[in-house]
Amino acid sequence: MLRYLLPIFCLSLSGLLHAQQFIIPDFDLDQPDTLLSVFFDSRQFAPTGHVLWQPANFEENISMDRSADGWVHTRIDTILYYSTFGIKRAVVVFETLEFDAENHVLDCHACDAKLSVAVFTASEGGRWQVDRFQKHFTSLGSDGQNGELDLTRFGPETWCLTMRMDWYSQGVYGEYVSFYDLDNLQKVFNFVEHEDNSGAFGDVPERNYALDKSIHFLTNVDSPSGWWEFDLVARGTQPDDDILRAVPANLVERYAYNWETNTYMKVCR
């Protein structure tokens, strides 16, 4: 009897596994409602165009902010296009904001946007196939507003998602930049692009400082990693607490991609 039951069991298991296969559809990036519905498992929308959805597990319950109406509000912030090895790709960034009972975005100093990211590859007929998706990828911005999003080329065929935001606290203003590898959505580098304390020592001008930093890629230098090396150039002044004055802070530092850490590391010269 067992020899008859075993083939039936195997056939049933094979059919069950086949039925459970998840088929990922292609998408039209010109249909934002479809993208939002599929990626956040909801067909309910607010008049603002945000999809309304509920966290599905413990991690989402503690990482995604519910609004006063009990829903999480998410919309598409931006779509960015690039190309690698002749293949068209796209990055879709979703923005989640928290709303109060009067349907106003909460604008406290620490109220940021929760970002989710999907990376696509161009398919046939003008459609797009999703390669990776990360819900609550990171947080960005303040005062109920998102930061600035862009793409930066880090090599002949290498691109990163660029995120910028500013912050003001106790008289110090700063602008911050982070870069994320689009192949694995991991951070590869971040730095303070600008910082000054003009709001802290208005009556003591010798203690006021302002520092700017910028990246200069070495595009003419061969890099086995496929990631360009770059110089991080600093110009301006920085505080010296020992003498209670601002001092010159002009500096050039060389950085190269490190395969062990998958980040940029300072090069000793």
Protein backbone atom coordinates (compact mmCIF):
# COMPACT_ATOMS: atom_id res chain seq x y z
CA MET A 1 0.00 0.00 0.00
CA LEU A 2 2.87 2.36 0.90
CA ARG A 3 4.38 2.09 -2.59
CA TYR A 4 1.12 3.51 -4.04
CA LEU A 5 0.79 6.30 -1.49
CA LEU A 6 4.35 7.60 -1.91
CA PRO A 7 4.00 8.64 -5.61
CA ILE A 8 0.65 10.29 -4.80
CA PHE A 9 2.25 12.23 -1.92
CA CYS A 10 5.16 13.39 -4.09
CA LEU A 11 2.81 14.46 -6.86
CA SER A 12 0.66 16.40 -4.39
CA LEU A 13 3.71 18.10 -2.86
CA SER A 14 4.99 19.05 -6.32
CA GLY A 15 1.64 20.59 -7.19
CA LEU A 16 1.54 22.50 -3.91
CA LEU A 17 5.04 23.94 -4.42
CA HIS A 18 4.15 24.95 -7.95
CA ALA A 19 0.99 26.67 -6.74
CA GLN A 20 2.99 28.60 -4.14
CA GLN A 21 5.47 30.07 -6.63
CA PHE A 22 5.37 33.86 -6.51
CA ILE A 23 5.16 35.48 -9.94
CA ILE A 24 6.48 39.05 -9.95
CA PRO A 25 4.61 41.21 -12.46
CA ASP A 26 6.07 43.91 -14.69
CA PHE A 27 5.10 47.49 -13.89
CA ASP A 28 4.22 50.70 -15.68
CA LEU A 29 6.02 53.51 -13.85
CA ASP A 30 3.47 55.97 -15.22
CA GLN A 31 0.79 54.36 -13.04
CA PRO A 32 1.66 55.41 -9.47
CA ASP A 33 -1.55 54.04 -7.93
CA THR A 34 -0.72 50.54 -9.16
CA LEU A 35 2.80 50.75 -7.77
CA LEU A 36 1.56 51.92 -4.38
CA SER A 37 -1.19 49.30 -4.21
CA VAL A 38 1.13 46.39 -5.01
CA PHE A 39 4.14 47.44 -2.94
CA PHE A 40 2.11 48.36 0.14
CA ASP A 41 -0.70 45.79 -0.18
CA SER A 42 -3.62 48.22 -0.15
CA ARG A 43 -6.19 49.66 -2.52
CA GLN A 44 -7.32 52.42 -0.15
CA PHE A 45 -6.16 55.95 -0.96
CA ALA A 46 -6.42 59.33 0.77
CA PRO A 47 -7.52 62.46 -1.18
CA THR A 48 -3.85 63.55 -1.03
CA GLY A 49 -2.90 60.58 -3.24
CA HIS A 50 -1.23 58.68 -0.39
CA VAL A 51 -1.94 54.97 -0.21
CA LEU A 52 -3.31 53.99 3.21
CA TRP A 53 -1.94 50.74 4.62
CA GLN A 54 -1.41 48.82 7.84
CA PRO A 55 1.91 47.42 9.14
CA ALA A 56 2.05 43.67 8.58
CA ASN A 57 4.49 42.60 11.30
CA PHE A 58 6.29 43.66 14.47
CA GLU A 59 9.17 45.37 12.68
CA GLU A 60 6.82 47.51 10.58
CA ASN A 61 4.75 48.38 13.65
CA ILE A 62 7.74 49.94 15.40
CA SER A 63 9.43 51.47 12.33
CA MET A 64 6.51 53.00 10.38
CA ASP A 65 4.58 55.90 11.90
CA ARG A 66 0.81 55.57 11.96
CA SER A 67 -1.09 58.81 11.47
CA ALA A 68 -3.90 59.96 13.75
CA ASP A 69 -6.44 58.08 11.60
CA GLY A 70 -4.65 54.78 12.35
CA TRP A 71 -3.23 54.35 8.83
CA VAL A 72 0.28 54.66 7.41
CA HIS A 73 0.31 57.29 4.61
CA THR A 74 2.74 56.67 1.72
CA ARG A 75 3.20 58.27 -1.70
CA ILE A 76 5.82 58.28 -4.46
CA ASP A 77 8.35 61.03 -3.80
CA THR A 78 10.40 60.77 -6.97
CA ILE A 79 11.49 58.48 -9.82
CA LEU A 80 15.11 58.65 -10.97
CA TYR A 81 16.49 57.08 -14.16
CA TYR A 82 20.00 55.88 -15.02
CA SER A 83 21.77 53.33 -17.21
CA THR A 84 24.44 50.66 -16.59
CA PHE A 85 26.08 48.54 -19.30
CA GLY A 86 23.52 49.84 -21.80
CA ILE A 87 20.56 48.71 -19.68
CA LYS A 88 17.98 51.27 -18.57
CA ARG A 89 17.19 51.29 -14.87
CA ALA A 90 15.01 53.31 -12.51
CA VAL A 91 14.82 54.05 -8.79
CA VAL A 92 11.44 54.74 -7.21
CA VAL A 93 11.54 56.40 -3.77
CA PHE A 94 8.40 56.17 -1.62
CA GLU A 95 7.79 58.71 1.13
CA THR A 96 5.83 58.06 4.34
CA LEU A 97 4.73 61.05 6.42
CA GLU A 98 2.71 61.26 9.62
CA PHE A 99 -0.56 63.27 9.68
CA ASP A 100 -2.44 64.71 12.65
CA ALA A 101 -6.19 64.50 13.32
CA GLU A 102 -6.80 67.53 11.06
CA ASN A 103 -4.92 65.85 8.20
CA HIS A 104 -1.89 68.14 8.50
CA VAL A 105 1.64 66.78 8.26
CA LEU A 106 3.36 66.76 11.66
CA ASP A 107 6.10 69.39 11.43
CA CYS A 108 8.10 69.02 14.65
CA HIS A 109 11.87 69.50 14.38
CA ALA A 110 12.47 65.73 14.53
CA CYS A 111 9.54 64.80 12.25
CA ASP A 112 11.21 63.22 9.22
CA ALA A 113 10.08 61.19 6.22
CA LYS A 114 10.35 57.40 6.24
CA LEU A 115 11.66 56.28 2.85
CA SER A 116 11.16 53.01 0.98
CA VAL A 117 13.10 52.24 -2.23
CA ALA A 118 12.53 50.02 -5.26
CA VAL A 119 15.04 49.48 -8.10
CA PHE A 120 13.76 48.49 -11.58
CA THR A 121 15.19 47.25 -14.89
CA ALA A 122 13.58 48.17 -18.20
CA SER A 123 11.52 45.33 -19.72
CA GLU A 124 9.70 44.94 -23.03
CA GLY A 125 6.91 47.22 -24.19
CA GLY A 126 7.93 50.13 -22.01
CA ARG A 127 7.36 48.19 -18.78
CA TRP A 128 9.70 47.67 -15.84
CA GLN A 129 10.73 44.64 -13.78
CA VAL A 130 11.49 45.17 -10.09
CA ASP A 131 14.96 43.97 -8.98
CA ARG A 132 14.82 44.84 -5.28
CA PHE A 133 12.54 46.56 -2.81
CA GLN A 134 13.21 47.68 0.74
CA LYS A 135 10.42 49.04 2.91
CA HIS A 136 11.51 51.67 5.46
CA PHE A 137 14.90 51.92 3.80
CA THR A 138 15.91 54.93 5.91
CA SER A 139 14.65 58.25 7.31
CA LEU A 140 15.41 61.67 5.87
CA GLY A 141 14.52 65.33 6.47
CA SER A 142 12.96 67.27 9.35
CA ASP A 143 10.04 69.58 10.16
CA GLY A 144 7.65 67.28 8.30
CA GLN A 145 9.60 67.55 5.05
CA ASN A 146 11.78 65.16 3.09
CA GLY A 147 15.36 65.89 2.06
CA GLU A 148 16.76 66.08 -1.49
CA LEU A 149 17.18 62.96 -3.64
CA ASP A 150 19.40 62.50 -6.68
CA LEU A 151 21.79 60.07 -8.39
CA THR A 152 25.60 60.34 -8.39
CA ARG A 153 27.93 58.44 -10.69
CA PHE A 154 30.74 56.69 -8.75
CA GLY A 155 32.31 54.77 -11.63
CA PRO A 156 32.00 54.09 -15.37
CA GLU A 157 29.01 51.80 -14.71
CA THR A 158 28.37 52.52 -11.04
CA TRP A 159 25.65 54.78 -9.62
CA CYS A 160 24.56 55.65 -6.10
CA LEU A 161 21.37 57.09 -4.67
CA THR A 162 22.23 60.47 -3.14
CA MET A 163 20.37 61.80 -0.10
CA ARG A 164 20.78 65.32 1.25
CA MET A 165 19.24 66.99 4.28
CA ASP A 166 19.93 69.99 6.52
CA TRP A 167 19.71 70.33 10.27
CA TYR A 168 19.75 73.30 12.66
CA SER A 169 20.32 72.91 16.39
CA GLN A 170 21.63 75.28 19.11
CA GLY A 171 22.90 77.79 16.59
CA VAL A 172 24.74 75.26 14.40
CA TYR A 173 23.53 74.67 10.83
CA GLY A 174 24.62 71.57 8.91
CA GLU A 175 24.03 69.97 5.50
CA TYR A 176 24.57 66.21 5.28
CA VAL A 177 25.04 63.89 2.29
CA SER A 178 24.79 60.08 2.13
CA PHE A 179 25.40 57.74 -0.82
CA TYR A 180 23.80 54.28 -1.22
CA ASP A 181 24.92 51.53 -3.60
CA LEU A 182 21.98 50.73 -5.90
CA ASP A 183 23.06 47.08 -6.25
CA ASN A 184 22.51 46.27 -2.57
CA LEU A 185 21.03 49.49 -1.08
CA GLN A 186 23.89 49.74 1.42
CA LYS A 187 25.50 53.04 2.44
CA VAL A 188 28.97 53.48 0.93
CA PHE A 189 29.87 56.98 2.16
CA ASN A 190 28.52 60.02 3.99
CA PHE A 191 29.94 63.40 4.97
CA VAL A 192 29.01 66.87 6.21
CA GLU A 193 28.83 69.07 3.12
CA HIS A 194 28.50 72.35 5.03
CA GLU A 195 28.55 73.42 8.67
CA ASP A 196 28.56 76.80 10.36
CA ASN A 197 27.74 78.20 13.79
CA SER A 198 26.62 81.65 12.69
CA GLY A 199 23.61 81.43 15.00
CA ALA A 200 25.63 80.61 18.13
CA PHE A 201 28.24 83.37 18.64
CA GLY A 202 26.87 86.43 16.93
CA ASP A 203 28.53 88.72 19.50
CA VAL A 204 31.89 86.89 19.36
CA PRO A 205 32.84 86.95 15.67
CA GLU A 206 36.25 85.33 16.19
CA ARG A 207 34.48 82.13 17.28
CA ASN A 208 32.25 81.95 14.19
CA TYR A 209 33.28 79.24 11.72
CA ALA A 210 32.04 77.98 8.33
CA LEU A 211 33.30 74.80 6.69
CA ASP A 212 32.48 73.41 3.22
CA LYS A 213 33.43 69.98 1.82
CA SER A 214 33.12 68.61 -1.71
CA ILE A 215 33.97 65.40 -3.58
CA HIS A 216 36.32 65.45 -6.59
CA PHE A 217 36.30 62.14 -8.51
CA LEU A 218 39.53 60.86 -10.10
CA THR A 219 37.89 59.67 -13.31
CA ASN A 220 41.18 59.33 -15.19
CA VAL A 221 42.67 56.82 -12.72
CA ASP A 222 42.04 53.13 -13.40
CA SER A 223 40.22 51.41 -10.55
CA PRO A 224 40.01 47.58 -10.49
CA SER A 225 36.92 47.79 -8.29
CA GLY A 226 34.94 49.78 -10.87
CA TRP A 227 34.52 52.55 -8.28
CA TRP A 228 36.44 55.79 -8.83
CA GLU A 229 38.70 57.09 -6.11
CA PHE A 230 38.00 60.64 -5.00
CA ASP A 231 39.43 63.52 -2.99
CA LEU A 232 37.33 65.00 -0.22
CA VAL A 233 38.26 68.68 -0.24
CA ALA A 234 37.57 70.87 2.81
CA ARG A 235 37.67 74.67 2.68
CA GLY A 236 36.90 77.21 5.39
CA THR A 237 37.32 77.34 9.15
CA GLN A 238 36.58 75.07 12.08
CA PRO A 239 36.40 75.63 15.87
CA ASP A 240 39.43 75.20 18.13
CA ASP A 241 38.15 74.80 21.67
CA ASP A 242 41.62 75.17 23.20
CA ILE A 243 41.98 78.78 22.08
CA LEU A 244 38.25 79.54 21.71
CA ARG A 245 38.67 80.74 18.14
CA ALA A 246 37.97 79.56 14.60
CA VAL A 247 41.04 78.36 12.69
CA PRO A 248 41.69 77.50 9.02
CA ALA A 249 40.53 74.02 8.02
CA ASN A 250 41.73 73.56 4.44
CA LEU A 251 42.37 69.86 3.82
CA VAL A 252 42.41 67.21 1.06
CA GLU A 253 41.79 63.53 1.90
CA ARG A 254 41.93 60.62 -0.58
CA TYR A 255 39.26 57.86 -0.45
CA ALA A 256 39.03 54.51 -2.27
CA TYR A 257 36.40 51.77 -2.35
CA ASN A 258 37.14 48.89 0.02
CA TRP A 259 35.78 45.46 -0.98
CA GLU A 260 36.00 44.08 2.58
CA THR A 261 33.69 46.71 4.04
CA ASN A 262 31.79 47.62 0.82
CA THR A 263 32.34 51.28 1.74
CA TYR A 264 34.78 54.05 0.93
CA MET A 265 37.81 54.19 3.26
CA LYS A 266 40.48 56.85 3.68
CA VAL A 267 43.72 56.14 1.82
CA CYS A 268 46.95 56.73 3.71
CA ARG A 269 49.38 58.77 1.61
